[in-house]
């Protein structure tokens, strides 16, 4: 199962608030560049996104990426990182 740490949630909320987007969530999706993962602020995500709500933060995850992240943790360590939960 995909997890997000408390520190990552705190940092997302802080970044959204500082950008004047406190009512937004975060979308996680595959970037068209180099096969990397991208993050963006969004109010509603995309139609097929999988919604995860944790500590009043909404994460919208692209469904094709969600299965690849199923055993991962999104954390914040001098920046956002995704690592295996194994």
N, C-alpha and C. Protein backbone atom coordinates (compact mmCIF):
# COMPACT_ATOMS: atom_id res chain seq x y z
N UNK A 1 0.84 -1.18 0.00
CA UNK A 1 0.00 0.00 0.00
C UNK A 1 0.89 1.25 0.00
N UNK A 2 0.51 2.24 -0.75
CA UNK A 2 1.23 3.52 -0.82
C UNK A 2 1.01 4.29 0.48
N UNK A 3 2.09 4.84 1.02
CA UNK A 3 2.01 5.59 2.27
C UNK A 3 2.69 6.94 2.10
N UNK A 4 2.29 7.87 2.95
CA UNK A 4 2.92 9.18 3.00
C UNK A 4 3.24 9.50 4.45
N UNK A 5 4.45 9.99 4.69
CA UNK A 5 4.86 10.27 6.07
C UNK A 5 4.25 11.58 6.56
N UNK A 6 4.21 11.70 7.88
CA UNK A 6 3.70 12.94 8.47
C UNK A 6 4.54 14.15 8.05
N UNK A 7 5.86 13.96 7.95
CA UNK A 7 6.73 15.07 7.55
C UNK A 7 6.43 15.52 6.12
N UNK A 8 6.16 14.58 5.23
CA UNK A 8 5.81 14.94 3.85
C UNK A 8 4.50 15.73 3.83
N UNK A 9 3.54 15.32 4.63
CA UNK A 9 2.26 16.04 4.71
C UNK A 9 2.48 17.46 5.21
N UNK A 10 3.27 17.60 6.25
CA UNK A 10 3.57 18.94 6.80
C UNK A 10 4.19 19.82 5.73
N UNK A 11 5.15 19.29 4.99
CA UNK A 11 5.84 20.08 3.98
C UNK A 11 4.94 20.41 2.79
N UNK A 12 4.08 19.48 2.38
CA UNK A 12 3.12 19.78 1.32
C UNK A 12 2.19 20.91 1.75
N UNK A 13 1.64 20.80 2.95
CA UNK A 13 0.72 21.83 3.45
C UNK A 13 1.41 23.19 3.53
N UNK A 14 2.64 23.18 3.99
CA UNK A 14 3.41 24.43 4.10
C UNK A 14 3.61 25.04 2.71
N UNK A 15 4.03 24.25 1.74
CA UNK A 15 4.27 24.75 0.39
C UNK A 15 2.97 25.26 -0.25
N UNK A 16 1.89 24.53 -0.07
CA UNK A 16 0.61 24.97 -0.64
C UNK A 16 0.15 26.28 0.01
N UNK A 17 0.29 26.36 1.32
CA UNK A 17 -0.11 27.58 2.03
C UNK A 17 0.71 28.78 1.59
N UNK A 18 2.03 28.61 1.49
CA UNK A 18 2.90 29.71 1.08
C UNK A 18 2.61 30.17 -0.35
N UNK A 19 2.11 29.27 -1.18
CA UNK A 19 1.77 29.62 -2.56
C UNK A 19 0.35 30.16 -2.69
N UNK A 20 -0.36 30.27 -1.56
CA UNK A 20 -1.73 30.75 -1.59
C UNK A 20 -2.71 29.70 -2.12
N UNK A 21 -2.32 28.44 -1.98
CA UNK A 21 -3.14 27.33 -2.50
C UNK A 21 -3.55 26.37 -1.39
N UNK A 22 -3.84 26.91 -0.22
CA UNK A 22 -4.15 26.08 0.94
C UNK A 22 -5.34 25.16 0.72
N UNK A 23 -6.23 25.51 -0.20
CA UNK A 23 -7.41 24.68 -0.46
C UNK A 23 -7.15 23.62 -1.54
N UNK A 24 -5.92 23.52 -2.00
CA UNK A 24 -5.56 22.56 -3.04
C UNK A 24 -4.98 21.29 -2.42
N UNK A 25 -4.89 20.27 -3.27
CA UNK A 25 -4.21 19.04 -2.93
C UNK A 25 -2.99 18.90 -3.83
N UNK A 26 -2.41 17.71 -3.83
CA UNK A 26 -1.23 17.44 -4.63
C UNK A 26 -1.52 16.28 -5.58
N UNK A 27 -1.15 16.47 -6.83
CA UNK A 27 -1.30 15.40 -7.83
C UNK A 27 0.07 14.79 -8.09
N UNK A 28 0.10 13.47 -8.09
CA UNK A 28 1.32 12.72 -8.37
C UNK A 28 1.08 11.99 -9.69
N UNK A 29 1.97 12.20 -10.65
CA UNK A 29 1.77 11.61 -11.97
C UNK A 29 3.11 11.37 -12.65
N UNK A 30 3.09 10.56 -13.70
CA UNK A 30 4.30 10.29 -14.47
C UNK A 30 4.57 11.47 -15.39
N UNK A 31 5.77 12.00 -15.29
CA UNK A 31 6.17 13.11 -16.14
C UNK A 31 6.48 12.60 -17.53
N UNK A 32 6.25 13.42 -18.53
CA UNK A 32 6.57 13.02 -19.90
C UNK A 32 8.07 13.09 -20.16
N UNK A 33 8.80 13.64 -19.23
CA UNK A 33 10.26 13.80 -19.39
C UNK A 33 11.00 12.72 -18.61
N UNK A 34 11.73 11.90 -19.30
CA UNK A 34 12.68 10.97 -18.68
C UNK A 34 12.03 9.92 -17.77
N UNK A 35 10.74 9.72 -17.85
CA UNK A 35 10.08 8.71 -17.02
C UNK A 35 10.09 9.02 -15.54
N UNK A 36 10.22 10.27 -15.18
CA UNK A 36 10.25 10.64 -13.77
C UNK A 36 8.84 10.88 -13.24
N UNK A 37 8.75 11.05 -11.93
CA UNK A 37 7.47 11.32 -11.27
C UNK A 37 7.37 12.81 -11.00
N UNK A 38 6.20 13.37 -11.27
CA UNK A 38 5.99 14.81 -11.09
C UNK A 38 4.93 15.05 -10.03
N UNK A 39 5.01 16.21 -9.41
CA UNK A 39 4.05 16.66 -8.41
C UNK A 39 3.51 18.02 -8.83
N UNK A 40 2.23 18.24 -8.63
CA UNK A 40 1.67 19.56 -8.91
C UNK A 40 0.49 19.83 -7.98
N UNK A 41 0.24 21.10 -7.72
CA UNK A 41 -0.92 21.50 -6.92
C UNK A 41 -2.16 21.41 -7.80
N UNK A 42 -3.25 20.94 -7.22
CA UNK A 42 -4.50 20.81 -7.95
C UNK A 42 -5.68 20.89 -6.99
N UNK A 43 -6.80 21.36 -7.49
CA UNK A 43 -8.01 21.38 -6.66
C UNK A 43 -8.74 20.06 -6.71
N UNK A 44 -8.78 19.44 -7.90
CA UNK A 44 -9.62 18.26 -8.08
C UNK A 44 -8.94 17.07 -8.73
N UNK A 45 -7.71 17.17 -9.16
CA UNK A 45 -7.06 16.07 -9.84
C UNK A 45 -7.71 15.78 -11.18
N UNK A 46 -7.37 14.64 -11.75
CA UNK A 46 -7.96 14.21 -13.01
C UNK A 46 -9.08 13.21 -12.71
N UNK A 47 -9.95 13.00 -13.68
CA UNK A 47 -11.15 12.18 -13.49
C UNK A 47 -10.86 10.79 -12.94
N UNK A 48 -9.82 10.12 -13.43
CA UNK A 48 -9.54 8.75 -13.02
C UNK A 48 -8.54 8.63 -11.87
N UNK A 49 -8.05 9.75 -11.36
CA UNK A 49 -7.06 9.70 -10.29
C UNK A 49 -7.60 8.98 -9.06
N UNK A 50 -6.69 8.35 -8.36
CA UNK A 50 -7.02 7.70 -7.09
C UNK A 50 -6.79 8.74 -6.00
N UNK A 51 -7.80 8.95 -5.18
CA UNK A 51 -7.74 9.97 -4.13
C UNK A 51 -7.39 9.32 -2.80
N UNK A 52 -6.35 9.85 -2.18
CA UNK A 52 -5.98 9.46 -0.82
C UNK A 52 -6.03 10.72 0.03
N UNK A 53 -6.75 10.65 1.13
CA UNK A 53 -6.81 11.79 2.05
C UNK A 53 -6.17 11.38 3.36
N UNK A 54 -5.23 12.19 3.81
CA UNK A 54 -4.55 11.90 5.06
C UNK A 54 -4.24 13.22 5.76
N UNK A 55 -4.65 13.34 7.01
CA UNK A 55 -4.41 14.55 7.80
C UNK A 55 -4.81 15.82 7.05
N UNK A 56 -5.97 15.77 6.43
CA UNK A 56 -6.56 16.91 5.71
C UNK A 56 -5.76 17.34 4.48
N UNK A 57 -4.96 16.43 3.94
CA UNK A 57 -4.27 16.67 2.68
C UNK A 57 -4.81 15.68 1.65
N UNK A 58 -5.18 16.19 0.49
CA UNK A 58 -5.66 15.32 -0.59
C UNK A 58 -4.52 15.05 -1.56
N UNK A 59 -4.29 13.76 -1.81
CA UNK A 59 -3.33 13.33 -2.82
C UNK A 59 -4.10 12.69 -3.96
N UNK A 60 -3.87 13.17 -5.15
CA UNK A 60 -4.49 12.62 -6.35
C UNK A 60 -3.39 11.88 -7.11
N UNK A 61 -3.54 10.57 -7.27
CA UNK A 61 -2.48 9.78 -7.89
C UNK A 61 -2.97 9.20 -9.20
N UNK A 62 -2.19 9.42 -10.25
CA UNK A 62 -2.51 8.87 -11.56
C UNK A 62 -2.64 7.35 -11.41
N UNK A 63 -3.74 6.76 -11.90
CA UNK A 63 -3.98 5.33 -11.69
C UNK A 63 -2.91 4.43 -12.31
N UNK A 64 -2.29 4.85 -13.40
CA UNK A 64 -1.24 4.01 -13.99
C UNK A 64 0.02 4.03 -13.13
N UNK A 65 0.23 5.08 -12.40
CA UNK A 65 1.38 5.19 -11.52
C UNK A 65 1.11 4.54 -10.17
N UNK A 66 -0.14 4.52 -9.75
CA UNK A 66 -0.50 4.01 -8.42
C UNK A 66 -0.01 2.58 -8.21
N UNK A 67 -0.19 1.71 -9.20
CA UNK A 67 0.23 0.32 -9.04
C UNK A 67 1.74 0.22 -8.88
N UNK A 68 2.48 1.10 -9.52
CA UNK A 68 3.94 1.10 -9.40
C UNK A 68 4.39 1.60 -8.02
N UNK A 69 3.54 2.39 -7.38
CA UNK A 69 3.87 2.97 -6.07
C UNK A 69 3.30 2.16 -4.91
N UNK A 70 2.68 1.03 -5.20
CA UNK A 70 1.92 0.31 -4.18
C UNK A 70 2.73 -0.07 -2.94
N UNK A 71 4.02 -0.31 -3.07
CA UNK A 71 4.85 -0.65 -1.91
C UNK A 71 5.86 0.45 -1.63
N UNK A 72 5.41 1.70 -1.77
CA UNK A 72 6.31 2.84 -1.62
C UNK A 72 5.84 3.79 -0.53
N UNK A 73 6.78 4.62 -0.10
CA UNK A 73 6.51 5.65 0.90
C UNK A 73 6.97 6.98 0.32
N UNK A 74 6.10 7.98 0.40
CA UNK A 74 6.45 9.35 0.02
C UNK A 74 6.88 10.06 1.30
N UNK A 75 8.12 10.55 1.30
CA UNK A 75 8.69 11.14 2.51
C UNK A 75 9.31 12.49 2.14
N UNK A 76 9.73 13.21 3.16
CA UNK A 76 10.45 14.47 2.95
C UNK A 76 11.76 14.39 3.72
N UNK A 77 12.88 14.47 2.96
CA UNK A 77 14.22 14.47 3.55
C UNK A 77 15.05 15.44 2.72
N UNK A 78 15.05 16.69 3.06
CA UNK A 78 15.70 17.74 2.26
C UNK A 78 15.08 17.83 0.87
N UNK A 79 13.86 17.40 0.74
CA UNK A 79 13.11 17.36 -0.52
C UNK A 79 12.22 16.13 -0.50
N UNK A 80 11.27 16.10 -1.40
CA UNK A 80 10.36 14.96 -1.45
C UNK A 80 11.05 13.77 -2.11
N UNK A 81 10.91 12.60 -1.51
CA UNK A 81 11.49 11.37 -2.03
C UNK A 81 10.45 10.25 -1.95
N UNK A 82 10.54 9.35 -2.90
CA UNK A 82 9.71 8.16 -2.88
C UNK A 82 10.66 6.99 -2.75
N UNK A 83 10.41 6.18 -1.73
CA UNK A 83 11.29 5.04 -1.47
C UNK A 83 10.45 3.79 -1.24
N UNK A 84 11.07 2.65 -1.36
CA UNK A 84 10.39 1.38 -1.13
C UNK A 84 10.07 1.25 0.35
N UNK A 85 8.92 0.71 0.67
CA UNK A 85 8.55 0.51 2.07
C UNK A 85 9.07 -0.83 2.59
N UNK A 86 9.67 -1.62 1.72
CA UNK A 86 10.22 -2.94 2.12
C UNK A 86 11.52 -2.79 2.85
